[in-house]
Amino acid sequence: MKSYVLRAVVAAAVAGVALSGCGGPVQAGAAALVGDERISASDLNATIDAFRKDLAANKMTEQQLQLSLPLPQMILLNMANNKQFEELAQQKGITVPQGEVDAWIAQQGGQEQIDKALLASGIPLSNGGDAVRAVIIRTDLMQQYGAGADEQSQQAALAKVTQEADAKVPLRFSPRYGKFDPQQGFLPDTRFGAVAKPAPVAPAPDAGAPDATAPDAG
């Protein structure tokens, strides 16, 4: 399952994200509730700032990432998803020691490769350990639900794991951060700006077309 779990880090926000828990009140000052745990708006803002500093340190821009959501929503979704699987693991008596995290990172090509994957999915490097633990927990649970080497069995197991996570550790998001649809996730919201897109690349010139800049032979 190595290829699958590496993709899970790259797409941590969607590779097991809960899409059912969005109703109910959220406490004042909270960006989200994960079970009974609170993600504060101040924690979210600090994480966004940390991520942008990581991008700058690595000479990257938000446009290069091609994230599927505006950055605040993507980071909030990642934070909630990681905390959800951490709480689910506690309920099920699953622990992931640091040695297992280190071994997993080595199997995926080392810390440099993981750091690239984290930044590509909107996760600050300081939160990398939590993200990797969430992926390991999710992968272990998927195997319990019959995930094999083929993508079909992995997706079927992932759906079951996600359903269990939603039932035992529901997610609720503050409407301040957009409308969360049970089937589609966060809906487009102009308050957060458009999703950053890469600058268009000029098409290569047609080899058979005349060069407009060349002098007229006649």
Protein backbone atom coordinates (compact mmCIF):
# COMPACT_ATOMS: atom_id res chain seq x y z
CA MET A 1 0.00 0.00 0.00
CA LYS A 2 3.05 2.25 -0.17
CA SER A 3 1.92 4.16 -3.26
CA TYR A 4 -1.51 4.74 -1.78
CA VAL A 5 -0.38 6.07 1.59
CA LEU A 6 2.11 8.46 0.03
CA ARG A 7 -0.74 9.88 -2.07
CA ALA A 8 -2.72 10.10 1.17
CA VAL A 9 -0.15 12.49 2.59
CA VAL A 10 -0.14 14.55 -0.60
CA ALA A 11 -3.94 14.78 -0.45
CA ALA A 12 -4.45 14.59 3.28
CA ALA A 13 -7.44 16.86 3.16
CA VAL A 14 -9.41 14.57 0.90
CA ALA A 15 -7.93 11.10 1.37
CA GLY A 16 -10.11 10.33 4.34
CA VAL A 17 -11.84 13.52 5.19
CA ALA A 18 -15.16 13.26 6.96
CA LEU A 19 -18.01 14.73 4.96
CA SER A 20 -20.94 14.13 7.27
CA GLY A 21 -20.50 16.19 10.41
CA CYS A 22 -21.34 19.78 9.64
CA GLY A 23 -24.45 20.58 11.63
CA GLY A 24 -25.02 21.86 15.11
CA PRO A 25 -23.69 24.93 16.92
CA VAL A 26 -19.99 25.72 17.15
CA GLN A 27 -18.61 27.49 20.21
CA ALA A 28 -17.74 31.16 19.98
CA GLY A 29 -14.14 31.60 18.91
CA ALA A 30 -13.95 28.09 17.49
CA ALA A 31 -13.19 27.36 13.86
CA ALA A 32 -14.31 23.75 14.24
CA LEU A 33 -15.30 21.12 16.76
CA VAL A 34 -13.80 17.66 16.41
CA GLY A 35 -15.82 15.42 18.67
CA ASP A 36 -15.58 17.35 21.94
CA GLU A 37 -12.27 18.99 21.03
CA ARG A 38 -12.07 22.56 19.81
CA ILE A 39 -9.93 24.07 17.05
CA SER A 40 -9.81 27.77 17.88
CA ALA A 41 -9.79 30.51 15.29
CA SER A 42 -6.50 31.76 16.75
CA ASP A 43 -4.91 28.31 16.32
CA LEU A 44 -6.11 28.22 12.73
CA ASN A 45 -4.69 31.68 12.01
CA ALA A 46 -1.35 30.73 13.58
CA THR A 47 -1.22 27.57 11.44
CA ILE A 48 -1.97 29.55 8.29
CA ASP A 49 0.84 31.98 9.16
CA ALA A 50 3.24 29.10 9.82
CA PHE A 51 2.38 27.50 6.49
CA ARG A 52 2.97 30.72 4.57
CA LYS A 53 6.36 31.09 6.26
CA ASP A 54 7.22 27.53 5.22
CA LEU A 55 6.27 28.36 1.64
CA ALA A 56 8.46 31.47 1.67
CA ALA A 57 11.38 29.54 3.17
CA ASN A 58 11.09 26.99 0.36
CA LYS A 59 10.66 29.67 -2.33
CA MET A 60 7.16 28.46 -3.19
CA THR A 61 3.92 30.33 -3.82
CA GLU A 62 0.28 29.42 -3.18
CA GLN A 63 -0.29 29.52 -6.94
CA GLN A 64 2.19 26.69 -7.44
CA LEU A 65 0.30 24.40 -5.08
CA GLN A 66 -2.93 24.22 -7.12
CA LEU A 67 -4.93 23.44 -3.98
CA SER A 68 -8.54 22.37 -4.44
CA LEU A 69 -9.74 24.84 -1.77
CA PRO A 70 -8.76 28.34 -0.64
CA LEU A 71 -5.88 28.08 1.80
CA PRO A 72 -7.81 28.84 5.05
CA GLN A 73 -10.37 26.12 4.29
CA MET A 74 -7.73 23.61 3.22
CA ILE A 75 -5.68 24.12 6.38
CA LEU A 76 -8.77 23.95 8.61
CA LEU A 77 -9.86 20.74 6.90
CA ASN A 78 -6.39 19.23 7.39
CA MET A 79 -6.32 20.21 11.06
CA ALA A 80 -9.78 18.75 11.68
CA ASN A 81 -9.00 15.57 9.78
CA ASN A 82 -5.77 14.94 11.68
CA LYS A 83 -7.42 15.58 15.05
CA GLN A 84 -10.37 13.35 14.12
CA PHE A 85 -8.15 10.34 13.47
CA GLU A 86 -6.07 11.08 16.57
CA GLU A 87 -9.24 10.96 18.69
CA LEU A 88 -10.52 7.84 16.90
CA ALA A 89 -7.20 6.11 17.60
CA GLN A 90 -7.47 6.98 21.29
CA GLN A 91 -10.96 5.51 21.43
CA LYS A 92 -9.77 2.30 19.77
CA GLY A 93 -6.58 2.02 21.81
CA ILE A 94 -4.29 2.57 18.80
CA THR A 95 -0.92 4.21 19.43
CA VAL A 96 1.66 5.32 16.89
CA PRO A 97 5.09 5.73 18.53
CA GLN A 98 7.68 8.07 17.06
CA GLY A 99 9.73 5.09 15.86
CA GLU A 100 6.85 3.98 13.65
CA VAL A 101 6.51 7.50 12.26
CA ASP A 102 10.24 7.63 11.47
CA ALA A 103 10.16 4.22 9.80
CA TRP A 104 7.15 5.21 7.68
CA ILE A 105 8.87 8.41 6.55
CA ALA A 106 11.96 6.41 5.56
CA GLN A 107 9.80 4.01 3.53
CA GLN A 108 8.31 6.93 1.63
CA GLY A 109 11.69 8.28 0.53
CA GLY A 110 12.80 10.32 3.53
CA GLN A 111 11.89 13.57 5.22
CA GLU A 112 12.58 15.72 2.17
CA GLN A 113 9.98 13.86 0.13
CA ILE A 114 7.46 14.03 2.97
CA ASP A 115 8.06 17.77 3.41
CA LYS A 116 7.29 18.33 -0.28
CA ALA A 117 4.10 16.31 0.08
CA LEU A 118 3.07 18.23 3.19
CA LEU A 119 3.53 21.61 1.57
CA ALA A 120 1.72 20.43 -1.56
CA SER A 121 -1.35 19.61 0.53
CA GLY A 122 -1.43 22.75 2.68
CA ILE A 123 0.17 21.36 5.86
CA PRO A 124 2.87 23.36 7.69
CA LEU A 125 6.00 21.36 8.38
CA SER A 126 5.54 21.76 12.13
CA ASN A 127 2.29 19.76 11.82
CA GLY A 128 3.93 17.03 9.75
CA GLY A 129 4.16 14.52 12.59
CA ASP A 130 0.42 14.77 13.29
CA ALA A 131 -0.37 14.41 9.59
CA VAL A 132 1.80 11.32 9.20
CA ARG A 133 0.31 9.75 12.33
CA ALA A 134 -3.19 10.35 10.94
CA VAL A 135 -2.24 8.61 7.70
CA ILE A 136 -0.70 5.65 9.57
CA ILE A 137 -3.81 5.32 11.74
CA ARG A 138 -6.10 5.54 8.72
CA THR A 139 -4.02 2.98 6.83
CA ASP A 140 -4.04 0.53 9.76
CA LEU A 141 -7.82 0.85 10.04
CA MET A 142 -8.20 0.38 6.29
CA GLN A 143 -6.28 -2.86 6.49
CA GLN A 144 -8.63 -4.01 9.24
CA TYR A 145 -11.48 -3.36 6.81
CA GLY A 146 -9.88 -5.50 4.10
CA ALA A 147 -7.79 -3.05 2.08
CA GLY A 148 -5.37 -4.86 -0.21
CA ALA A 149 -2.89 -3.86 -2.88
CA ASP A 150 -5.59 -2.86 -5.38
CA GLU A 151 -7.14 0.58 -5.40
CA GLN A 152 -10.72 -0.74 -5.43
CA SER A 153 -10.34 -2.52 -2.09
CA GLN A 154 -8.49 0.47 -0.66
CA GLN A 155 -11.28 2.85 -1.62
CA ALA A 156 -13.94 0.51 -0.21
CA ALA A 157 -12.03 0.23 3.07
CA LEU A 158 -11.45 3.99 3.17
CA ALA A 159 -15.19 4.59 2.87
CA LYS A 160 -15.81 2.30 5.87
CA VAL A 161 -13.09 3.95 7.93
CA THR A 162 -14.44 7.40 7.11
CA GLN A 163 -17.94 6.31 8.10
CA GLU A 164 -16.65 5.03 11.43
CA ALA A 165 -14.68 8.23 12.05
CA ASP A 166 -17.71 10.38 11.27
CA ALA A 167 -19.90 8.38 13.63
CA LYS A 168 -17.49 8.31 16.57
CA VAL A 169 -15.77 11.69 16.16
CA PRO A 170 -18.13 14.03 14.26
CA LEU A 171 -16.84 17.25 12.73
CA ARG A 172 -18.59 20.59 12.88
CA PHE A 173 -17.28 23.72 11.18
CA SER A 174 -18.01 27.33 11.98
CA PRO A 175 -20.02 29.00 9.19
CA ARG A 176 -17.44 31.80 9.36
CA TYR A 177 -15.22 29.55 7.26
CA GLY A 178 -17.76 28.70 4.60
CA LYS A 179 -20.67 26.35 4.03
CA PHE A 180 -19.79 22.68 4.43
CA ASP A 181 -21.90 20.30 2.34
CA PRO A 182 -22.16 16.65 3.44
CA GLN A 183 -21.48 15.39 -0.09
CA GLN A 184 -19.16 18.03 -1.54
CA GLY A 185 -17.20 19.41 1.39
CA PHE A 186 -16.62 23.17 1.51
CA LEU A 187 -18.59 25.00 -1.18
CA PRO A 188 -17.03 27.88 -3.14
CA ASP A 189 -17.07 31.08 -1.12
CA THR A 190 -15.84 34.41 -2.46
CA ARG A 191 -14.99 35.59 1.08
CA PHE A 192 -11.84 33.49 0.84
CA GLY A 193 -11.02 34.44 -2.75
CA ALA A 194 -10.76 32.14 -5.70
CA VAL A 195 -8.68 29.00 -5.54
CA ALA A 196 -5.14 29.96 -6.52
CA LYS A 197 -4.37 28.87 -10.05
CA PRO A 198 -1.00 28.64 -11.77
CA ALA A 199 -0.09 31.28 -14.31
CA PRO A 200 -0.95 30.19 -17.86
CA VAL A 201 1.90 28.81 -19.90
CA ALA A 202 2.28 30.11 -23.43
CA PRO A 203 1.82 27.32 -26.01
CA ALA A 204 4.88 26.15 -27.87
CA PRO A 205 5.13 27.57 -31.40
CA ASP A 206 3.96 25.33 -34.23
CA ALA A 207 7.03 23.91 -35.93
CA GLY A 208 5.30 24.27 -39.29
CA ALA A 209 4.17 27.86 -38.82
CA PRO A 210 6.21 30.75 -40.20
CA ASP A 211 8.16 32.83 -37.69
CA ALA A 212 6.50 36.23 -37.58
CA THR A 213 9.73 37.81 -36.33
CA ALA A 214 11.87 36.47 -39.18
CA PRO A 215 12.79 38.92 -41.98
CA ASP A 216 10.97 38.57 -45.28
CA ALA A 217 13.14 36.54 -47.61
CA GLY A 218 11.76 38.43 -50.55
